[in-house]
Protein backbone atom coordinates (compact mmCIF):
# COMPACT_ATOMS: atom_id res chain seq x y z
CA MET A 1 -5.00 -14.27 16.64
CA LYS A 2 -3.38 -11.88 14.41
CA ILE A 3 -3.75 -10.72 10.93
CA SER A 4 -2.07 -8.56 9.05
CA PHE A 5 -3.14 -7.08 5.96
CA LEU A 6 -0.70 -5.56 3.34
CA PRO A 7 -2.74 -3.18 1.69
CA ALA A 8 -2.51 -2.28 -2.24
CA GLY A 9 -2.88 1.46 -1.35
CA ASP A 10 -4.04 4.26 0.88
CA ALA A 11 -7.36 5.26 1.89
CA SER A 12 -8.12 6.98 -1.42
CA THR A 13 -7.87 3.58 -2.82
CA ALA A 14 -11.37 1.97 -3.13
CA SER A 15 -10.75 -1.99 -3.02
CA SER A 16 -8.20 -0.74 -0.01
CA ARG A 17 -11.09 1.03 1.62
CA ILE A 18 -13.48 -1.84 1.53
CA ARG A 19 -11.25 -4.78 1.78
CA VAL A 20 -8.45 -3.93 4.39
CA TYR A 21 -9.32 -0.84 6.21
CA ALA A 22 -12.64 -1.03 7.02
CA MET A 23 -12.19 -4.57 7.94
CA VAL A 24 -9.16 -4.21 10.12
CA GLU A 25 -11.39 -1.65 11.73
CA ALA A 26 -14.15 -3.89 12.31
CA LEU A 27 -12.48 -7.13 13.25
CA ARG A 28 -10.50 -5.02 16.61
CA ALA A 29 -13.98 -3.94 17.25
CA ALA A 30 -14.60 -7.72 17.58
CA GLY A 31 -11.64 -8.27 19.62
CA VAL A 32 -9.09 -9.54 16.84
CA ASP A 33 -5.43 -8.15 16.84
CA ALA A 34 -5.67 -6.96 13.18
CA SER A 35 -3.15 -4.27 11.35
CA ALA A 36 -3.30 -2.19 8.13
CA GLN A 37 0.80 -3.47 8.03
CA TYR A 38 3.04 -5.97 8.17
CA GLN A 39 3.27 -7.24 11.85
CA PRO A 40 6.13 -10.39 11.51
CA ASP A 41 4.62 -12.63 14.52
CA ALA A 42 0.95 -12.74 13.07
CA ASP A 43 -0.67 -16.04 12.25
CA TYR A 44 -2.44 -14.69 9.20
CA PHE A 45 -0.99 -12.54 6.33
CA VAL A 46 -3.46 -10.96 3.70
CA PHE A 47 -1.47 -9.73 0.79
CA GLN A 48 -4.37 -7.28 -0.64
CA LYS A 49 -4.31 -6.95 -5.02
CA LYS A 50 -0.65 -5.88 -5.39
CA VAL A 51 2.04 -7.93 -6.10
CA ASP A 52 5.81 -6.79 -6.73
CA PRO A 53 9.00 -8.50 -6.63
CA ALA A 54 9.50 -7.40 -3.33
CA LEU A 55 6.28 -8.61 -1.89
CA LEU A 56 6.09 -11.88 -3.83
CA ALA A 57 9.86 -12.18 -2.04
CA LEU A 58 7.99 -11.47 1.58
CA ALA A 59 5.15 -13.86 0.67
CA ARG A 60 7.37 -16.82 0.03
CA SER A 61 9.19 -16.45 2.77
CA LEU A 62 6.35 -16.72 5.00
CA VAL A 63 5.24 -19.82 3.13
CA ALA A 64 8.49 -21.39 3.62
CA VAL A 65 8.51 -20.84 7.47
CA GLY A 66 4.85 -22.32 7.78
CA LYS A 67 3.02 -18.75 7.68
CA ILE A 68 -0.92 -18.70 6.16
CA VAL A 69 -0.57 -16.14 3.29
CA ILE A 70 -3.92 -15.22 1.75
CA TYR A 71 -3.81 -13.12 -1.39
CA ASP A 72 -7.33 -11.29 -2.01
CA ILE A 73 -7.89 -10.08 -5.14
CA ASP A 74 -10.90 -8.24 -6.29
CA ASP A 75 -10.26 -7.16 -10.01
CA LEU A 76 -8.96 -9.06 -12.90
CA PRO A 77 -6.99 -8.46 -15.87
CA PRO A 78 -6.30 -6.46 -17.91
CA ALA A 79 -7.45 -3.68 -15.06
CA GLN A 80 -5.66 -5.95 -12.34
CA ASP A 81 -2.22 -5.10 -14.50
CA TYR A 82 -2.03 -1.62 -12.92
CA TRP A 83 -1.74 -3.52 -9.61
CA ALA A 84 0.11 -6.76 -10.71
CA ALA A 85 2.29 -7.68 -13.81
CA PRO A 86 0.47 -11.17 -15.31
CA PRO A 87 3.96 -13.21 -14.47
CA LEU A 88 3.56 -11.88 -10.76
CA LEU A 89 -0.30 -12.45 -10.08
CA ALA A 90 -0.19 -15.92 -11.83
CA GLN A 91 3.06 -16.84 -9.37
CA MET A 92 1.11 -15.32 -6.59
CA LEU A 93 -2.16 -17.42 -7.23
CA ALA A 94 -0.06 -20.69 -7.60
CA LEU A 95 1.85 -19.42 -3.97
CA ALA A 96 -1.03 -18.35 -1.82
CA THR A 97 -2.23 -21.01 1.15
CA LEU A 98 -5.92 -19.57 -0.04
CA VAL A 99 -7.09 -17.15 -2.17
CA THR A 100 -10.28 -14.79 -1.38
CA THR A 101 -12.40 -12.53 -3.72
CA ASP A 102 -15.71 -10.43 -3.91
CA THR A 103 -17.81 -11.98 -6.80
CA GLN A 104 -19.16 -15.48 -7.83
CA GLY A 105 -17.67 -14.29 -11.08
CA HIS A 106 -14.13 -13.56 -10.01
CA VAL A 107 -13.90 -16.89 -8.60
CA ASP A 108 -15.33 -18.95 -12.00
CA LEU A 109 -12.66 -16.92 -14.05
CA LEU A 110 -9.51 -17.25 -11.70
CA ARG A 111 -10.37 -20.75 -11.44
CA ARG A 112 -10.87 -20.95 -15.82
CA ASP A 113 -7.77 -18.70 -16.29
CA PHE A 114 -5.29 -19.63 -13.59
CA VAL A 115 -3.46 -22.44 -12.23
CA VAL A 116 -4.79 -21.67 -8.51
CA PRO A 117 -3.89 -24.80 -6.14
CA ALA A 118 -5.60 -23.05 -3.24
CA PRO A 119 -9.22 -22.84 -2.25
CA ILE A 120 -10.88 -19.67 -3.81
CA VAL A 121 -13.37 -18.67 -0.96
CA LEU A 122 -15.65 -15.43 -1.52
CA ILE A 123 -15.87 -12.42 1.11
CA PRO A 124 -17.78 -9.90 -0.34
CA ASP A 125 -16.91 -6.05 -0.30
CA CYS A 126 -18.59 -3.95 2.43
CA ILE A 127 -19.84 -0.84 2.20
CA ASP A 128 -18.27 1.88 1.41
CA TYR A 129 -16.79 5.40 3.22
CA PHE A 130 -16.69 4.21 6.56
CA PRO A 131 -20.36 4.10 7.87
CA THR A 132 -22.07 3.51 11.11
CA GLY A 133 -25.61 2.95 9.51
CA PRO A 134 -27.77 3.29 7.27
CA GLN A 135 -28.33 7.23 6.60
CA ALA A 136 -31.70 8.93 5.94
CA PRO A 137 -32.93 9.40 2.46
CA ALA A 138 -31.13 12.27 0.57
CA ALA A 139 -33.27 15.61 0.25
CA PRO A 140 -31.54 17.69 -2.40
CA ALA A 141 -32.81 21.16 -3.01
CA GLY A 142 -34.47 21.87 -6.79
CA SER A 143 -36.59 20.86 -9.22
CA ALA A 144 -34.66 18.50 -11.17
CA LEU A 145 -34.15 14.92 -10.44
CA ARG A 146 -30.34 14.53 -10.55
CA VAL A 147 -29.16 11.17 -11.32
CA LEU A 148 -25.58 10.37 -10.90
CA TRP A 149 -22.71 7.74 -12.16
CA PHE A 150 -19.57 7.85 -10.37
CA GLY A 151 -16.50 5.67 -10.61
CA SER A 152 -12.74 5.70 -12.70
CA LEU A 153 -12.22 7.15 -15.53
CA GLY A 154 -11.20 3.44 -16.92
CA ASN A 155 -14.81 2.36 -16.68
CA ILE A 156 -16.85 5.79 -18.04
CA ALA A 157 -17.31 4.23 -21.62
CA MET A 158 -19.96 1.66 -19.86
CA PHE A 159 -21.59 5.48 -18.92
CA GLU A 160 -21.01 7.29 -21.96
CA ARG A 161 -22.96 4.65 -24.06
CA TYR A 162 -26.14 5.92 -22.17
CA ALA A 163 -24.97 9.90 -22.17
CA ASP A 164 -26.64 10.73 -25.00
CA ALA A 165 -29.70 9.03 -24.94
CA LEU A 166 -30.87 10.31 -21.37
CA ARG A 167 -30.10 13.60 -22.17
CA THR A 168 -33.70 14.15 -23.65
CA LEU A 169 -35.37 12.92 -20.25
CA PRO A 170 -37.29 16.04 -18.88
CA GLN A 171 -36.53 17.37 -15.52
CA VAL A 172 -33.63 14.99 -15.43
CA GLN A 173 -29.51 16.28 -14.46
CA LEU A 174 -27.12 14.13 -15.13
CA VAL A 175 -24.35 13.68 -13.11
CA VAL A 176 -20.96 12.17 -13.22
CA ALA A 177 -18.02 12.39 -10.58
CA THR A 178 -14.90 11.03 -11.73
CA GLY A 179 -10.97 11.52 -11.49
CA ALA A 180 -10.53 15.43 -12.08
CA PRO A 181 -7.81 14.95 -14.82
CA GLY A 182 -10.19 13.62 -17.36
CA ILE A 183 -13.37 16.31 -16.58
CA PRO A 184 -12.27 18.82 -19.49
CA ALA A 185 -12.41 16.58 -22.41
CA LEU A 186 -15.73 15.10 -21.07
CA MET A 187 -17.14 18.45 -20.39
CA GLU A 188 -16.22 19.52 -24.00
CA ARG A 189 -17.99 16.05 -25.16
CA TYR A 190 -20.93 16.17 -23.00
CA PRO A 191 -22.00 19.89 -22.23
CA HIS A 192 -25.57 18.94 -20.74
CA ILE A 193 -23.87 16.96 -18.05
CA GLU A 194 -22.61 18.14 -14.50
CA PHE A 195 -19.17 16.44 -13.97
CA LEU A 196 -17.47 16.84 -10.32
CA PRO A 197 -14.13 15.75 -9.11
CA TRP A 198 -14.42 12.82 -7.18
CA SER A 199 -12.48 12.91 -3.67
CA LEU A 200 -12.28 11.09 -0.50
CA GLU A 201 -13.52 13.81 1.55
CA GLY A 202 -15.94 15.58 -1.00
CA PHE A 203 -17.73 12.40 -2.41
CA PRO A 204 -20.48 11.38 0.34
CA ALA A 205 -21.64 15.53 -0.20
CA ILE A 206 -21.93 14.56 -3.95
CA LEU A 207 -23.61 11.63 -3.83
CA ARG A 208 -26.32 13.02 -1.03
CA SER A 209 -26.67 15.92 -3.55
CA CYS A 210 -28.20 13.42 -5.94
CA GLN A 211 -31.67 11.72 -5.90
CA LEU A 212 -30.71 8.69 -7.87
CA THR A 213 -27.47 6.89 -8.69
CA LEU A 214 -27.06 4.98 -12.68
CA LEU A 215 -24.47 2.08 -12.39
CA MET A 216 -23.67 -0.38 -14.85
CA HIS A 217 -21.23 -3.22 -15.16
CA ASP A 218 -22.99 -4.39 -18.87
CA GLY A 219 -19.47 -4.22 -20.42
CA SER A 220 -16.44 -6.58 -21.20
CA GLU A 221 -17.10 -10.31 -19.68
CA VAL A 222 -14.60 -8.72 -16.55
CA ASP A 223 -16.57 -6.18 -16.45
CA ARG A 224 -19.83 -8.66 -15.99
CA THR A 225 -17.95 -9.95 -12.71
CA LYS A 226 -17.65 -6.84 -10.92
CA SER A 227 -19.05 -6.45 -7.21
CA ASN A 228 -21.84 -4.37 -6.16
CA ASN A 229 -20.22 -1.88 -4.06
CA LYS A 230 -21.47 1.06 -5.45
CA MET A 231 -24.94 -0.21 -5.18
CA ILE A 232 -24.73 -0.93 -1.84
CA CYS A 233 -22.75 2.58 -0.97
CA SER A 234 -25.53 4.72 -2.65
CA ILE A 235 -28.10 2.47 -1.16
CA ASN A 236 -26.58 3.05 2.27
CA MET A 237 -26.16 6.74 1.82
CA GLY A 238 -30.09 7.07 1.22
CA VAL A 239 -29.56 7.35 -2.67
CA PRO A 240 -31.65 4.45 -4.42
CA ALA A 241 -29.35 3.08 -7.25
CA ILE A 242 -30.73 2.43 -11.01
CA VAL A 243 -28.59 -1.04 -12.02
CA SER A 244 -27.71 -2.93 -15.24
CA ASP A 245 -29.13 -6.49 -15.23
CA THR A 246 -25.60 -8.08 -14.17
CA PRO A 247 -24.72 -10.56 -11.85
CA GLU A 248 -24.05 -9.17 -8.64
CA TYR A 249 -26.56 -5.97 -9.29
CA ALA A 250 -29.27 -8.01 -10.37
CA ALA A 251 -29.13 -10.43 -7.48
CA THR A 252 -28.52 -7.37 -5.21
CA ALA A 253 -31.15 -6.08 -6.51
CA GLN A 254 -33.47 -9.16 -5.76
CA LEU A 255 -32.38 -9.55 -2.84
CA CYS A 256 -33.07 -6.27 -1.56
CA GLY A 257 -36.80 -6.36 -2.50
CA VAL A 258 -36.53 -3.67 -5.52
CA PRO A 259 -36.12 -5.76 -8.80
CA GLU A 260 -37.76 -2.88 -10.44
CA ALA A 261 -34.81 -1.06 -10.55
CA VAL A 262 -32.60 -3.09 -12.94
CA PHE A 263 -32.67 -2.10 -16.62
CA GLY A 264 -31.40 -3.92 -19.77
CA SER A 265 -31.80 -1.14 -22.02
CA VAL A 266 -31.44 2.50 -22.17
CA GLY A 267 -35.01 2.40 -22.77
CA GLN A 268 -35.41 0.55 -19.48
CA VAL A 269 -33.09 3.33 -17.48
CA ALA A 270 -35.74 5.84 -18.45
CA GLU A 271 -38.25 3.46 -17.18
CA CYS A 272 -36.41 3.26 -13.71
CA VAL A 273 -36.22 6.85 -13.50
CA ALA A 274 -39.84 7.69 -14.08
CA ARG A 275 -40.88 4.83 -11.62
CA LEU A 276 -38.71 6.51 -8.74
CA ALA A 277 -39.18 10.10 -9.79
CA SER A 278 -41.13 10.99 -6.71
CA ALA A 279 -39.58 11.16 -3.50
CA ALA A 280 -42.07 8.54 -1.94
CA GLN A 281 -41.24 5.79 -4.29
CA ARG A 282 -37.64 6.64 -3.29
CA GLU A 283 -38.46 6.19 0.12
CA GLN A 284 -40.10 2.99 -0.19
CA TYR A 285 -37.01 1.51 -2.12
CA LEU A 286 -34.85 2.62 0.84
CA LEU A 287 -37.33 0.75 3.85
CA ARG A 288 -36.89 -2.29 1.85
CA ALA A 289 -33.23 -1.67 0.73
CA GLN A 290 -31.32 -0.42 3.56
CA PRO A 291 -31.91 -2.83 6.14
CA VAL A 292 -30.95 -6.04 3.97
CA VAL A 293 -27.52 -4.05 2.70
CA TRP A 294 -26.94 -3.00 6.43
CA GLN A 295 -27.16 -6.88 8.02
CA HIS A 296 -25.24 -8.03 5.00
CA TYR A 297 -22.87 -5.72 4.13
CA SER A 298 -21.33 -3.58 7.13
CA ALA A 299 -17.91 -4.40 7.90
CA ALA A 300 -18.86 -6.23 11.29
CA ALA A 301 -20.82 -8.58 9.27
CA LEU A 302 -18.05 -9.56 6.42
CA ALA A 303 -15.34 -9.39 9.39
CA GLN A 304 -17.27 -12.41 11.06
CA ARG A 305 -17.51 -13.73 7.64
CA LEU A 306 -13.70 -13.64 7.65
CA LEU A 307 -12.84 -15.45 10.51
CA ALA A 308 -15.61 -17.79 10.12
CA GLU A 309 -13.81 -18.73 6.71
CA LEU A 310 -10.02 -18.70 8.28
CA GLN A 311 -11.70 -21.35 11.12
CA SER A 312 -13.44 -23.53 8.54
CA GLN A 313 -9.92 -23.39 6.13
CA PHE A 314 -7.34 -23.77 9.26
CA PRO A 315 -9.02 -25.21 12.20
CA ASP A 316 -5.80 -26.13 13.86
CA GLY A 317 -3.66 -22.78 13.19
CA ARG A 318 -1.84 -24.12 10.63
CA GLY A 319 -1.59 -23.51 6.80
CA VAL A 320 -3.26 -26.58 5.36
CA CYS A 321 -6.57 -25.72 3.77
CA GLN A 322 -9.38 -27.54 4.10
CA PRO A 323 -12.18 -28.34 1.35
CA SER A 324 -14.51 -25.76 0.21
CA ILE A 325 -17.73 -25.55 -1.27
CA PHE A 326 -17.84 -22.00 -2.98
CA PRO A 327 -21.39 -20.53 -3.26
CA ALA A 328 -23.01 -20.45 -6.94
CA SER A 329 -24.06 -16.83 -6.88
CA THR A 330 -24.55 -13.44 -4.77
CA SER A 331 -28.03 -14.76 -3.91
CA SER A 332 -26.43 -17.91 -2.13
CA ALA A 333 -23.31 -16.64 -0.83
CA ILE A 334 -25.35 -13.89 1.42
CA ALA A 335 -27.59 -16.49 2.33
CA ALA A 336 -24.55 -18.24 4.05
CA VAL A 337 -24.21 -15.66 5.99
CA ARG A 338 -27.53 -15.91 7.40
């Protein structure tokens, strides 16, 4: 078996890290001939997220000669418009032999909003930043409880709805790691928040300088379908995550045995912070959550899941898919891996 991935971006692109580069490393470790570049003699071609006229033409040419073309998409319009103009996205979804995505919410919206003749299978995101295992609990110096939100500038509006209300929490320092270009304007609006520029090399230290992360997907319909990748990254790096009561976050918290970390309002955020203010409580959270996260979301586990899906969909190695049953939620998807 030979798998050729065509990533959307380099390692600074989060989706490419967790859906291509980490996957390629894990597949190679499992003895599969996998690469993050075009290999004309591959058996499977995975087009990750990006579609332009040249990539679409390549996909058409591969399908025409009987190759298996997989389109992997982990976001939806309008955010996906950066990677694929709507007409090109529609054509790729109609062309692909198989479509993979990261959440059941994305499966549902793809089926609702696009013509997708091929099966859509769910391959969750793996843990970010190429970990080799769970890390010990972070132990930052200082008396203030540092609570971190991190993400792109395009998603910061969800955090801003909480920013002013949370400034009144005693002994709490809010921290934001995001794109450097937007930080000066944000600092003017929120002088009580510590803003730090995200970088691939620097972010792990930023994350481990904090005791908690505060993560939310309670925005638009599309926002609510986003994956748990930030949550599982935070937990694996030794920093408990407090998360919104939205599908992937809530299901992951339940699976990990930390339902007390889910909030549905600003007031409940304060309650979650208070429950996890002590180092002992945070350590108990991680003792429950980290083994589960590693078992189900390590790159090695998800590489095996991808291989099982390919074997199921293409038992004879040809570009004809078999009928597929999709899991109804994150919890049932995880159960399918066990």
